[in-house]
Amino acid sequence: MRSNRLVLAAATLAASALLLTACGGDDSGSDSSSSSASGGGAASFDPTSIAKDDTIAALLPEKIASSGKLVVGSDTSYAPAEYIDEDGTTPVGYDVDLAKGIAAVLGLEADVQTADFSGIIPAIGSKYDVGISSFTINAEREEQANMVQYFEAGEAYAVATGNPKKVNGDDLCGLTVGVQTGTVEDEELDALAAACISSGKDEITPLKYAKQTDVTTALVGGKADVMYADSPIIAYAIAQTDGKLEQLGDVFASAPQGIVVSKDDQALTDAIQKAVQKLIDSGDYGKILEAWGNDTGAVETAELNPSVS
């Protein structure tokens, strides 16, 4: 669930040929693809422009402070939030830049590590210090971890241009629907599928992939009738595929996104929350989002574990 209105920075658009080579999975949704979702010329951000805040940095647990880095788990297949740049190695995106900004406030370097989306939260506090990967805040996730709000967005559908399958967003029964595993949309698709069965309608065929790039490729290649994802990802995919896809209907179900921190580490949680608020108040947060065309998703307060349904 991402922003209602999205204007992508033109510099982040990639040729559709890159996307069409990304998928090596079969119809079952198995993933044997490259994790790279290149964006031609990522928006630039220099974390050295953000000064360390000694007061906030002093909140850090000694183990992290002495390491000199903030280890961030991120599914880098989710452009434009987090993805791999054209060099095939470097994580980029507005979430990546925000991670750099947070680390800079704390006097650290951000070590953004590519991870499977569904495996990030279970590894928080052990493998990763934090998770920054477009996590929609919901009650289930707040039971597992602390979540610091930093963005707001919605959900959307995409179809092939011209909607040749005549997809109706209000009724997906009988269709093949592409979705990334572990996302809120994945969970909601299961509920939609169950509703089709209980009402006696044709079943939904879920087409699930571990990487969003593969979901998009499945739609472009005709394996999926419709794609269900966060709205910035839908908008980016439409731009990236050079007219092959279009959004179906309006953005819906807007909700906050959060940075994931271990419930067992209140000190780090406090440091992250205050660092995000510092970036918001200084204007650096807004500059990062604006550079990526996502400033309409900005929030004013880095609220900890906001009340959600």
C-alpha atoms as a PDB file:
ATOM      1  CA  MET A   1       0.000   0.000   0.000  1.00  0.00           C
ATOM      2  CA  ARG A   2       1.669   3.179  -1.156  1.00  0.00           C
ATOM      3  CA  SER A   3       1.042   6.774  -2.286  1.00  0.00           C
ATOM      4  CA  ASN A   4      -2.179   7.956  -3.955  1.00  0.00           C
ATOM      5  CA  ARG A   5      -0.420  10.199  -6.406  1.00  0.00           C
ATOM      6  CA  LEU A   6       2.931   9.339  -7.896  1.00  0.00           C
ATOM      7  CA  VAL A   7       5.114  11.197 -10.363  1.00  0.00           C
ATOM      8  CA  LEU A   8       8.186   9.120 -11.126  1.00  0.00           C
ATOM      9  CA  ALA A   9      11.526  10.780 -11.608  1.00  0.00           C
ATOM     10  CA  ALA A  10      12.305  10.287 -15.264  1.00  0.00           C
ATOM     11  CA  ALA A  11      15.857   9.362 -14.453  1.00  0.00           C
ATOM     12  CA  THR A  12      14.699   6.140 -12.826  1.00  0.00           C
ATOM     13  CA  LEU A  13      12.936   4.718 -15.875  1.00  0.00           C
ATOM     14  CA  ALA A  14      14.424   1.612 -17.472  1.00  0.00           C
ATOM     15  CA  ALA A  15      13.941  -0.012 -20.852  1.00  0.00           C
ATOM     16  CA  SER A  16      11.417  -2.827 -20.981  1.00  0.00           C
ATOM     17  CA  ALA A  17      13.990  -5.171 -22.453  1.00  0.00           C
ATOM     18  CA  LEU A  18      15.749  -5.270 -19.080  1.00  0.00           C
ATOM     19  CA  LEU A  19      12.525  -6.285 -17.398  1.00  0.00           C
ATOM     20  CA  LEU A  20      11.637  -8.982 -19.917  1.00  0.00           C
ATOM     21  CA  THR A  21      14.900 -10.799 -19.249  1.00  0.00           C
ATOM     22  CA  ALA A  22      14.391 -10.814 -15.484  1.00  0.00           C
ATOM     23  CA  CYS A  23      12.036 -13.792 -15.152  1.00  0.00           C
ATOM     24  CA  GLY A  24      13.164 -17.385 -15.225  1.00  0.00           C
ATOM     25  CA  GLY A  25      10.344 -18.832 -13.104  1.00  0.00           C
ATOM     26  CA  ASP A  26       7.586 -21.173 -14.254  1.00  0.00           C
ATOM     27  CA  ASP A  27       3.817 -20.919 -13.916  1.00  0.00           C
ATOM     28  CA  SER A  28       3.968 -22.174 -10.351  1.00  0.00           C
ATOM     29  CA  GLY A  29       5.752 -18.993  -9.328  1.00  0.00           C
ATOM     30  CA  SER A  30       9.119 -20.613  -8.701  1.00  0.00           C
ATOM     31  CA  ASP A  31      11.905 -18.070  -8.721  1.00  0.00           C
ATOM     32  CA  SER A  32      15.102 -18.576 -10.656  1.00  0.00           C
ATOM     33  CA  SER A  33      15.530 -15.032 -11.828  1.00  0.00           C
ATOM     34  CA  SER A  34      18.116 -12.353 -11.395  1.00  0.00           C
ATOM     35  CA  SER A  35      17.347 -10.045  -8.479  1.00  0.00           C
ATOM     36  CA  SER A  36      18.326  -7.042 -10.550  1.00  0.00           C
ATOM     37  CA  ALA A  37      15.712  -4.484 -11.520  1.00  0.00           C
ATOM     38  CA  SER A  38      17.896  -1.833 -13.010  1.00  0.00           C
ATOM     39  CA  GLY A  39      16.834   1.755 -13.258  1.00  0.00           C
ATOM     40  CA  GLY A  40      18.721   3.836 -15.772  1.00  0.00           C
ATOM     41  CA  GLY A  41      20.512   6.499 -13.779  1.00  0.00           C
ATOM     42  CA  ALA A  42      19.255   6.367 -10.220  1.00  0.00           C
ATOM     43  CA  ALA A  43      18.490   9.568  -8.361  1.00  0.00           C
ATOM     44  CA  SER A  44      21.578  10.688  -6.462  1.00  0.00           C
ATOM     45  CA  PHE A  45      21.924  11.282  -2.746  1.00  0.00           C
ATOM     46  CA  ASP A  46      25.029  12.206  -0.795  1.00  0.00           C
ATOM     47  CA  PRO A  47      24.780  11.035   2.838  1.00  0.00           C
ATOM     48  CA  THR A  48      27.804  13.159   3.734  1.00  0.00           C
ATOM     49  CA  SER A  49      25.497  16.187   3.463  1.00  0.00           C
ATOM     50  CA  ILE A  50      23.757  15.025   6.655  1.00  0.00           C
ATOM     51  CA  ALA A  51      25.601  15.668   9.908  1.00  0.00           C
ATOM     52  CA  LYS A  52      25.750  13.273  12.822  1.00  0.00           C
ATOM     53  CA  ASP A  53      23.494  14.151  15.744  1.00  0.00           C
ATOM     54  CA  ASP A  54      25.525  13.263  18.826  1.00  0.00           C
ATOM     55  CA  THR A  55      22.513  13.235  21.132  1.00  0.00           C
ATOM     56  CA  ILE A  56      20.597  10.768  18.976  1.00  0.00           C
ATOM     57  CA  ALA A  57      23.698   8.694  18.253  1.00  0.00           C
ATOM     58  CA  ALA A  58      24.267   8.337  21.988  1.00  0.00           C
ATOM     59  CA  LEU A  59      21.067   6.272  22.170  1.00  0.00           C
ATOM     60  CA  LEU A  60      22.577   3.492  20.055  1.00  0.00           C
ATOM     61  CA  PRO A  61      23.410   0.141  21.620  1.00  0.00           C
ATOM     62  CA  GLU A  62      27.187  -0.120  22.050  1.00  0.00           C
ATOM     63  CA  LYS A  63      27.405  -3.121  19.745  1.00  0.00           C
ATOM     64  CA  ILE A  64      26.017  -1.148  16.807  1.00  0.00           C
ATOM     65  CA  ALA A  65      27.809   2.079  17.661  1.00  0.00           C
ATOM     66  CA  SER A  66      31.177   0.333  17.798  1.00  0.00           C
ATOM     67  CA  SER A  67      30.560  -1.528  14.540  1.00  0.00           C
ATOM     68  CA  GLY A  68      30.299   1.742  12.636  1.00  0.00           C
ATOM     69  CA  LYS A  69      27.461   0.505  10.454  1.00  0.00           C
ATOM     70  CA  LEU A  70      23.720  -0.001  10.388  1.00  0.00           C
ATOM     71  CA  VAL A  71      22.889  -3.353   8.783  1.00  0.00           C
ATOM     72  CA  VAL A  72      19.658  -3.043   6.802  1.00  0.00           C
ATOM     73  CA  GLY A  73      17.657  -5.933   5.361  1.00  0.00           C
ATOM     74  CA  SER A  74      15.904  -4.977   2.116  1.00  0.00           C
ATOM     75  CA  ASP A  75      14.255  -6.840  -0.740  1.00  0.00           C
ATOM     76  CA  THR A  76      16.046  -5.052  -3.579  1.00  0.00           C
ATOM     77  CA  SER A  77      13.611  -6.076  -6.310  1.00  0.00           C
ATOM     78  CA  TYR A  78      10.999  -3.421  -5.508  1.00  0.00           C
ATOM     79  CA  ALA A  79      11.747  -0.407  -7.684  1.00  0.00           C
ATOM     80  CA  PRO A  80      11.645   2.499  -7.120  1.00  0.00           C
ATOM     81  CA  ALA A  81      11.737   1.922  -3.353  1.00  0.00           C
ATOM     82  CA  GLU A  82      14.672  -0.475  -3.285  1.00  0.00           C
ATOM     83  CA  TYR A  83      16.347  -2.181  -6.228  1.00  0.00           C
ATOM     84  CA  ILE A  84      19.715  -2.973  -7.785  1.00  0.00           C
ATOM     85  CA  ASP A  85      21.278  -0.335 -10.026  1.00  0.00           C
ATOM     86  CA  GLU A  86      22.632  -0.921 -13.519  1.00  0.00           C
ATOM     87  CA  ASP A  87      25.988  -2.103 -12.187  1.00  0.00           C
ATOM     88  CA  GLY A  88      24.239  -5.232 -10.922  1.00  0.00           C
ATOM     89  CA  THR A  89      25.532  -4.701  -7.389  1.00  0.00           C
ATOM     90  CA  THR A  90      24.569  -1.366  -5.843  1.00  0.00           C
ATOM     91  CA  PRO A  91      21.246  -1.016  -3.962  1.00  0.00           C
ATOM     92  CA  VAL A  92      19.401   2.189  -4.863  1.00  0.00           C
ATOM     93  CA  GLY A  93      15.952   3.684  -4.315  1.00  0.00           C
ATOM     94  CA  TYR A  94      14.251   6.065  -1.932  1.00  0.00           C
ATOM     95  CA  ASP A  95      14.271   3.510   0.889  1.00  0.00           C
ATOM     96  CA  VAL A  96      17.997   3.005   0.364  1.00  0.00           C
ATOM     97  CA  ASP A  97      18.631   6.745   0.476  1.00  0.00           C
ATOM     98  CA  LEU A  98      16.553   7.055   3.627  1.00  0.00           C
ATOM     99  CA  ALA A  99      18.627   4.255   5.166  1.00  0.00           C
ATOM    100  CA  LYS A 100      21.766   6.238   4.316  1.00  0.00           C
ATOM    101  CA  GLY A 101      20.262   9.360   5.851  1.00  0.00           C
ATOM    102  CA  ILE A 102      19.283   7.592   9.054  1.00  0.00           C
ATOM    103  CA  ALA A 103      22.742   6.055   9.333  1.00  0.00           C
ATOM    104  CA  ALA A 104      24.348   9.465   8.783  1.00  0.00           C
ATOM    105  CA  VAL A 105      22.349  10.990  11.645  1.00  0.00           C
ATOM    106  CA  LEU A 106      23.573   8.143  13.840  1.00  0.00           C
ATOM    107  CA  GLY A 107      27.183   8.538  12.740  1.00  0.00           C
ATOM    108  CA  LEU A 108      27.116   5.200  10.939  1.00  0.00           C
ATOM    109  CA  GLU A 109      27.326   3.865   7.397  1.00  0.00           C
ATOM    110  CA  ALA A 110      24.322   2.046   5.969  1.00  0.00           C
ATOM    111  CA  ASP A 111      25.038  -1.535   4.947  1.00  0.00           C
ATOM    112  CA  VAL A 112      21.992  -2.377   2.828  1.00  0.00           C
ATOM    113  CA  GLN A 113      21.867  -6.124   2.246  1.00  0.00           C
ATOM    114  CA  THR A 114      19.639  -7.833  -0.290  1.00  0.00           C
ATOM    115  CA  ALA A 115      17.162 -10.169   1.399  1.00  0.00           C
ATOM    116  CA  ASP A 116      14.068 -12.196   0.610  1.00  0.00           C
ATOM    117  CA  PHE A 117      11.146 -10.022   1.702  1.00  0.00           C
ATOM    118  CA  SER A 118       9.416 -12.666   3.790  1.00  0.00           C
ATOM    119  CA  GLY A 119      12.648 -13.454   5.635  1.00  0.00           C
ATOM    120  CA  ILE A 120      13.503  -9.948   6.823  1.00  0.00           C
ATOM    121  CA  ILE A 121      11.302  -9.613   9.913  1.00  0.00           C
ATOM    122  CA  PRO A 122      12.315 -13.012  11.351  1.00  0.00           C
ATOM    123  CA  ALA A 123      15.983 -11.964  11.023  1.00  0.00           C
ATOM    124  CA  ILE A 124      15.653  -8.557  12.688  1.00  0.00           C
ATOM    125  CA  GLY A 125      17.906  -8.306  15.713  1.00  0.00           C
ATOM    126  CA  SER A 126      20.127 -11.144  14.563  1.00  0.00           C
ATOM    127  CA  LYS A 127      21.147 -10.849  10.921  1.00  0.00           C
ATOM    128  CA  TYR A 128      19.828  -7.309  10.374  1.00  0.00           C
ATOM    129  CA  ASP A 129      19.667  -4.326  12.713  1.00  0.00           C
ATOM    130  CA  VAL A 130      16.608  -2.951  10.926  1.00  0.00           C
ATOM    131  CA  GLY A 131      14.398  -3.735   7.964  1.00  0.00           C
ATOM    132  CA  ILE A 132      13.651  -0.986   5.448  1.00  0.00           C
ATOM    133  CA  SER A 133      11.728  -2.520   2.587  1.00  0.00           C
ATOM    134  CA  SER A 134       8.332  -0.859   2.059  1.00  0.00           C
ATOM    135  CA  PHE A 135       6.762  -2.733   4.977  1.00  0.00           C
ATOM    136  CA  THR A 136       3.103  -1.810   5.301  1.00  0.00           C
ATOM    137  CA  ILE A 137       2.306  -1.402   8.989  1.00  0.00           C
ATOM    138  CA  ASN A 138      -0.391  -3.787  10.150  1.00  0.00           C
ATOM    139  CA  ALA A 139      -1.409  -5.362  13.434  1.00  0.00           C
ATOM    140  CA  GLU A 140       0.262  -8.690  12.672  1.00  0.00           C
ATOM    141  CA  ARG A 141       3.623  -7.084  11.960  1.00  0.00           C
ATOM    142  CA  GLU A 142       3.368  -4.863  15.035  1.00  0.00           C
ATOM    143  CA  GLU A 143       3.033  -8.018  17.110  1.00  0.00           C
ATOM    144  CA  GLN A 144       6.335  -9.276  15.708  1.00  0.00           C
ATOM    145  CA  ALA A 145       8.425  -6.099  15.760  1.00  0.00           C
ATOM    146  CA  ASN A 146       8.521  -2.376  16.462  1.00  0.00           C
ATOM    147  CA  MET A 147       7.600  -0.294  13.432  1.00  0.00           C
ATOM    148  CA  VAL A 148       8.603   3.335  12.921  1.00  0.00           C
ATOM    149  CA  GLN A 149       6.331   5.055  10.412  1.00  0.00           C
ATOM    150  CA  TYR A 150       8.157   6.863   7.609  1.00  0.00           C
ATOM    151  CA  PHE A 151       5.923   6.770   4.525  1.00  0.00           C
ATOM    152  CA  GLU A 152       2.317   6.319   3.407  1.00  0.00           C
ATOM    153  CA  ALA A 153       0.975   4.751   0.236  1.00  0.00           C
ATOM    154  CA  GLY A 154      -1.748   2.587  -1.260  1.00  0.00           C
ATOM    155  CA  GLU A 155      -2.430  -0.443  -3.401  1.00  0.00           C
ATOM    156  CA  ALA A 156      -3.282  -0.745  -7.088  1.00  0.00           C
ATOM    157  CA  TYR A 157      -3.803  -3.164  -9.963  1.00  0.00           C
ATOM    158  CA  ALA A 158      -2.073  -3.202 -13.340  1.00  0.00           C
ATOM    159  CA  VAL A 159      -3.112  -4.945 -16.553  1.00  0.00           C
ATOM    160  CA  ALA A 160      -1.825  -5.161 -20.094  1.00  0.00           C
ATOM    161  CA  THR A 161      -2.438  -1.926 -21.981  1.00  0.00           C
ATOM    162  CA  GLY A 162      -5.979  -1.797 -23.301  1.00  0.00           C
ATOM    163  CA  ASN A 163      -7.086  -4.349 -20.715  1.00  0.00           C
ATOM    164  CA  PRO A 164      -7.492  -7.134 -23.299  1.00  0.00           C
ATOM    165  CA  LYS A 165      -8.747  -9.600 -20.654  1.00  0.00           C
ATOM    166  CA  LYS A 166     -11.462  -7.103 -19.626  1.00  0.00           C
ATOM    167  CA  VAL A 167     -10.378  -7.302 -15.996  1.00  0.00           C
ATOM    168  CA  ASN A 168     -12.765  -5.803 -13.457  1.00  0.00           C
ATOM    169  CA  GLY A 169     -10.914  -4.718 -10.332  1.00  0.00           C
ATOM    170  CA  ASP A 170     -14.057  -5.337  -8.262  1.00  0.00           C
ATOM    171  CA  ASP A 171     -14.161  -9.021  -9.242  1.00  0.00           C
ATOM    172  CA  LEU A 172     -10.940 -10.988  -9.804  1.00  0.00           C
ATOM    173  CA  CYS A 173     -12.652 -14.387  -9.684  1.00  0.00           C
ATOM    174  CA  GLY A 174     -11.550 -16.662 -12.519  1.00  0.00           C
ATOM    175  CA  LEU A 175      -8.393 -14.676 -13.247  1.00  0.00           C
ATOM    176  CA  THR A 176      -4.680 -15.339 -12.842  1.00  0.00           C
ATOM    177  CA  VAL A 177      -3.355 -12.724 -10.431  1.00  0.00           C
ATOM    178  CA  GLY A 178       0.364 -11.967 -10.017  1.00  0.00           C
ATOM    179  CA  VAL A 179       1.636 -10.967  -6.582  1.00  0.00           C
ATOM    180  CA  GLN A 180       4.876 -10.925  -4.583  1.00  0.00           C
ATOM    181  CA  THR A 181       5.038 -13.411  -1.728  1.00  0.00           C
ATOM    182  CA  GLY A 182       5.106 -12.061   1.798  1.00  0.00           C
ATOM    183  CA  THR A 183       3.442  -8.752   0.927  1.00  0.00           C
ATOM    184  CA  VAL A 184       0.143  -7.439   2.239  1.00  0.00           C
ATOM    185  CA  GLU A 185      -1.253  -7.971  -1.249  1.00  0.00           C
ATOM    186  CA  ASP A 186      -0.272 -11.635  -1.038  1.00  0.00           C
ATOM    187  CA  GLU A 187      -2.307 -12.028   2.148  1.00  0.00           C
ATOM    188  CA  GLU A 188      -5.247 -10.095   0.731  1.00  0.00           C
ATOM    189  CA  LEU A 189      -5.205 -12.135  -2.477  1.00  0.00           C
ATOM    190  CA  ASP A 190      -5.643 -15.294  -0.409  1.00  0.00           C
ATOM    191  CA  ALA A 191      -8.733 -13.740   1.176  1.00  0.00           C
ATOM    192  CA  LEU A 192     -10.114 -12.715  -2.227  1.00  0.00           C
ATOM    193  CA  ALA A 193      -9.537 -16.226  -3.540  1.00  0.00           C
ATOM    194  CA  ALA A 194     -11.395 -17.726  -0.584  1.00  0.00           C
ATOM    195  CA  ALA A 195     -14.311 -15.332  -1.152  1.00  0.00           C
ATOM    196  CA  CYS A 196     -14.598 -16.440  -4.785  1.00  0.00           C
ATOM    197  CA  ILE A 197     -14.847 -20.069  -3.703  1.00  0.00           C
ATOM    198  CA  SER A 198     -17.377 -19.389  -0.947  1.00  0.00           C
ATOM    199  CA  SER A 199     -19.597 -17.460  -3.354  1.00  0.00           C
ATOM    200  CA  GLY A 200     -19.513 -20.246  -5.938  1.00  0.00           C
ATOM    201  CA  LYS A 201     -17.579 -18.246  -8.521  1.00  0.00           C
ATOM    202  CA  ASP A 202     -14.604 -19.370 -10.602  1.00  0.00           C
ATOM    203  CA  GLU A 203     -11.436 -19.672  -8.573  1.00  0.00           C
ATOM    204  CA  ILE A 204      -8.613 -17.138  -8.645  1.00  0.00           C
ATOM    205  CA  THR A 205      -5.310 -18.604  -9.822  1.00  0.00           C
ATOM    206  CA  PRO A 206      -2.598 -16.939  -7.698  1.00  0.00           C
ATOM    207  CA  LEU A 207       0.741 -16.524  -9.483  1.00  0.00           C
ATOM    208  CA  LYS A 208       3.234 -15.835  -6.709  1.00  0.00           C
ATOM    209  CA  TYR A 209       6.895 -14.900  -6.992  1.00  0.00           C
ATOM    210  CA  ALA A 210       9.512 -14.042  -4.389  1.00  0.00           C
ATOM    211  CA  LYS A 211      10.625 -11.003  -6.425  1.00  0.00           C
ATOM    212  CA  GLN A 212       8.433  -8.186  -7.694  1.00  0.00           C
ATOM    213  CA  THR A 213      10.422  -8.040 -10.945  1.00  0.00           C
ATOM    214  CA  ASP A 214       9.181 -11.524 -11.745  1.00  0.00           C
ATOM    215  CA  VAL A 215       5.575 -10.554 -11.049  1.00  0.00           C
ATOM    216  CA  THR A 216       5.825  -7.660 -13.472  1.00  0.00           C
ATOM    217  CA  THR A 217       7.474  -9.847 -16.089  1.00  0.00           C
ATOM    218  CA  ALA A 218       4.686 -12.428 -15.736  1.00  0.00           C
ATOM    219  CA  LEU A 219       2.112  -9.751 -16.528  1.00  0.00           C
ATOM    220  CA  VAL A 220       4.057  -8.384 -19.487  1.00  0.00           C
ATOM    221  CA  GLY A 221       4.570 -11.920 -20.811  1.00  0.00           C
ATOM    222  CA  GLY A 222       0.907 -12.865 -20.504  1.00  0.00           C
ATOM    223  CA  LYS A 223       1.238 -15.411 -17.681  1.00  0.00           C
ATOM    224  CA  ALA A 224      -0.822 -13.183 -15.388  1.00  0.00           C
ATOM    225  CA  ASP A 225      -4.066 -11.391 -16.208  1.00  0.00           C
ATOM    226  CA  VAL A 226      -3.551  -8.719 -13.567  1.00  0.00           C
ATOM    227  CA  MET A 227      -0.835  -7.634 -11.125  1.00  0.00           C
ATOM    228  CA  TYR A 228      -1.571  -6.585  -7.542  1.00  0.00           C
ATOM    229  CA  ALA A 229       1.064  -4.460  -5.771  1.00  0.00           C
ATOM    230  CA  ASP A 230       1.803  -1.223  -3.946  1.00  0.00           C
ATOM    231  CA  SER A 231       0.970   1.860  -5.976  1.00  0.00           C
ATOM    232  CA  PRO A 232       4.522   3.248  -6.422  1.00  0.00           C
ATOM    233  CA  ILE A 233       5.594  -0.154  -7.717  1.00  0.00           C
ATOM    234  CA  ILE A 234       2.638  -0.285 -10.110  1.00  0.00           C
ATOM    235  CA  ALA A 235       3.443   3.204 -11.405  1.00  0.00           C
ATOM    236  CA  TYR A 236       7.125   2.367 -11.818  1.00  0.00           C
ATOM    237  CA  ALA A 237       6.343  -0.887 -13.650  1.00  0.00           C
ATOM    238  CA  ILE A 238       4.032   0.960 -16.038  1.00  0.00           C
ATOM    239  CA  ALA A 239       6.716   3.518 -16.855  1.00  0.00           C
ATOM    240  CA  GLN A 240       9.459   0.899 -17.088  1.00  0.00           C
ATOM    241  CA  THR A 241       7.627  -1.314 -19.565  1.00  0.00           C
ATOM    242  CA  ASP A 242       7.246   1.457 -22.118  1.00  0.00           C
ATOM    243  CA  GLY A 243       3.504   1.372 -22.658  1.00  0.00           C
ATOM    244  CA  LYS A 244       2.935  -2.352 -22.210  1.00  0.00           C
ATOM    245  CA  LEU A 245       1.032  -1.953 -18.932  1.00  0.00           C
ATOM    246  CA  GLU A 246      -1.559   0.392 -17.482  1.00  0.00           C
ATOM    247  CA  GLN A 247      -3.106   0.944 -14.067  1.00  0.00           C
ATOM    248  CA  LEU A 248      -6.572  -0.502 -13.579  1.00  0.00           C
ATOM    249  CA  GLY A 249      -8.803   1.874 -11.627  1.00  0.00           C
ATOM    250  CA  ASP A 250      -7.727   4.108  -8.779  1.00  0.00           C
ATOM    251  CA  VAL A 251      -5.270   3.645  -5.934  1.00  0.00           C
ATOM    252  CA  PHE A 252      -6.993   2.281  -2.830  1.00  0.00           C
ATOM    253  CA  ALA A 253      -6.352   1.169   0.771  1.00  0.00           C
ATOM    254  CA  SER A 254      -3.786   3.810   1.690  1.00  0.00           C
ATOM    255  CA  ALA A 255      -1.755   2.841   4.765  1.00  0.00           C
ATOM    256  CA  PRO A 256       1.480   3.722   6.571  1.00  0.00           C
ATOM    257  CA  GLN A 257       4.808   1.992   6.009  1.00  0.00           C
ATOM    258  CA  GLY A 258       7.357   1.401   8.721  1.00  0.00           C
ATOM    259  CA  ILE A 259      10.981   0.668   9.495  1.00  0.00           C
ATOM    260  CA  VAL A 260      11.218  -2.641  11.350  1.00  0.00           C
ATOM    261  CA  VAL A 261      13.202  -2.828  14.602  1.00  0.00           C
ATOM    262  CA  SER A 262      13.365  -5.628  17.167  1.00  0.00           C
ATOM    263  CA  LYS A 263      10.935  -5.381  20.077  1.00  0.00           C
ATOM    264  CA  ASP A 264      13.816  -6.559  22.249  1.00  0.00           C
ATOM    265  CA  ASP A 265      15.897  -3.488  21.400  1.00  0.00           C
ATOM    266  CA  GLN A 266      14.150  -0.379  22.668  1.00  0.00           C
ATOM    267  CA  ALA A 267      17.387   1.626  22.576  1.00  0.00           C
ATOM    268  CA  LEU A 268      17.811   1.079  18.844  1.00  0.00           C
ATOM    269  CA  THR A 269      14.103   1.675  18.299  1.00  0.00           C
ATOM    270  CA  ASP A 270      14.359   5.056  20.020  1.00  0.00           C
ATOM    271  CA  ALA A 271      17.462   5.967  18.013  1.00  0.00           C
ATOM    272  CA  ILE A 272      15.820   5.064  14.701  1.00  0.00           C
ATOM    273  CA  GLN A 273      12.609   6.917  15.535  1.00  0.00           C
ATOM    274  CA  LYS A 274      14.465  10.070  16.526  1.00  0.00           C
ATOM    275  CA  ALA A 275      16.767   9.850  13.491  1.00  0.00           C
ATOM    276  CA  VAL A 276      13.803   9.648  11.121  1.00  0.00           C
ATOM    277  CA  GLN A 277      12.129  12.579  12.857  1.00  0.00           C
ATOM    278  CA  LYS A 278      15.380  14.534  12.605  1.00  0.00           C
ATOM    279  CA  LEU A 279      15.442  13.960   8.830  1.00  0.00           C
ATOM    280  CA  ILE A 280      11.804  15.028   8.562  1.00  0.00           C
ATOM    281  CA  ASP A 281      12.342  18.200  10.580  1.00  0.00           C
ATOM    282  CA  SER A 282      15.554  19.155   8.760  1.00  0.00           C
ATOM    283  CA  GLY A 283      13.962  18.807   5.326  1.00  0.00           C
ATOM    284  CA  ASP A 284      16.428  16.143   4.179  1.00  0.00           C
ATOM    285  CA  TYR A 285      13.668  13.525   4.248  1.00  0.00           C
ATOM    286  CA  GLY A 286      11.541  15.572   1.880  1.00  0.00           C
ATOM    287  CA  LYS A 287      14.463  16.142  -0.469  1.00  0.00           C
ATOM    288  CA  ILE A 288      15.116  12.406  -0.705  1.00  0.00           C
ATOM    289  CA  LEU A 289      11.503  11.586  -1.526  1.00  0.00           C
ATOM    290  CA  GLU A 290      11.241  14.469  -3.978  1.00  0.00           C
ATOM    291  CA  ALA A 291      14.330  13.259  -5.827  1.00  0.00           C
ATOM    292  CA  TRP A 292      12.563   9.930  -6.392  1.00  0.00           C
ATOM    293  CA  GLY A 293       9.197  11.456  -7.293  1.00  0.00           C
ATOM    294  CA  ASN A 294       7.561  10.136  -4.133  1.00  0.00           C
ATOM    295  CA  ASP A 295       7.145  13.225  -1.978  1.00  0.00           C
ATOM    296  CA  THR A 296       3.341  12.781  -1.942  1.00  0.00           C
ATOM    297  CA  GLY A 297       3.935   9.788   0.324  1.00  0.00           C
ATOM    298  CA  ALA A 298       5.685  11.920   2.945  1.00  0.00           C
ATOM    299  CA  VAL A 299       4.602  11.913   6.590  1.00  0.00           C
ATOM    300  CA  GLU A 300       5.161  14.580   9.234  1.00  0.00           C
ATOM    301  CA  THR A 301       5.738  12.355  12.252  1.00  0.00           C
ATOM    302  CA  ALA A 302       7.865   9.247  12.709  1.00  0.00           C
ATOM    303  CA  GLU A 303       5.246   7.603  14.896  1.00  0.00           C
ATOM    304  CA  LEU A 304       6.163   4.382  16.679  1.00  0.00           C
ATOM    305  CA  ASN A 305       3.679   1.506  16.242  1.00  0.00           C
ATOM    306  CA  PRO A 306       0.760   3.666  15.038  1.00  0.00           C
ATOM    307  CA  SER A 307      -2.724   2.315  15.605  1.00  0.00           C
ATOM    308  CA  VAL A 308      -3.774   0.308  12.561  1.00  0.00           C
ATOM    309  CA  SER A 309      -6.437  -2.255  11.788  1.00  0.00           C
END
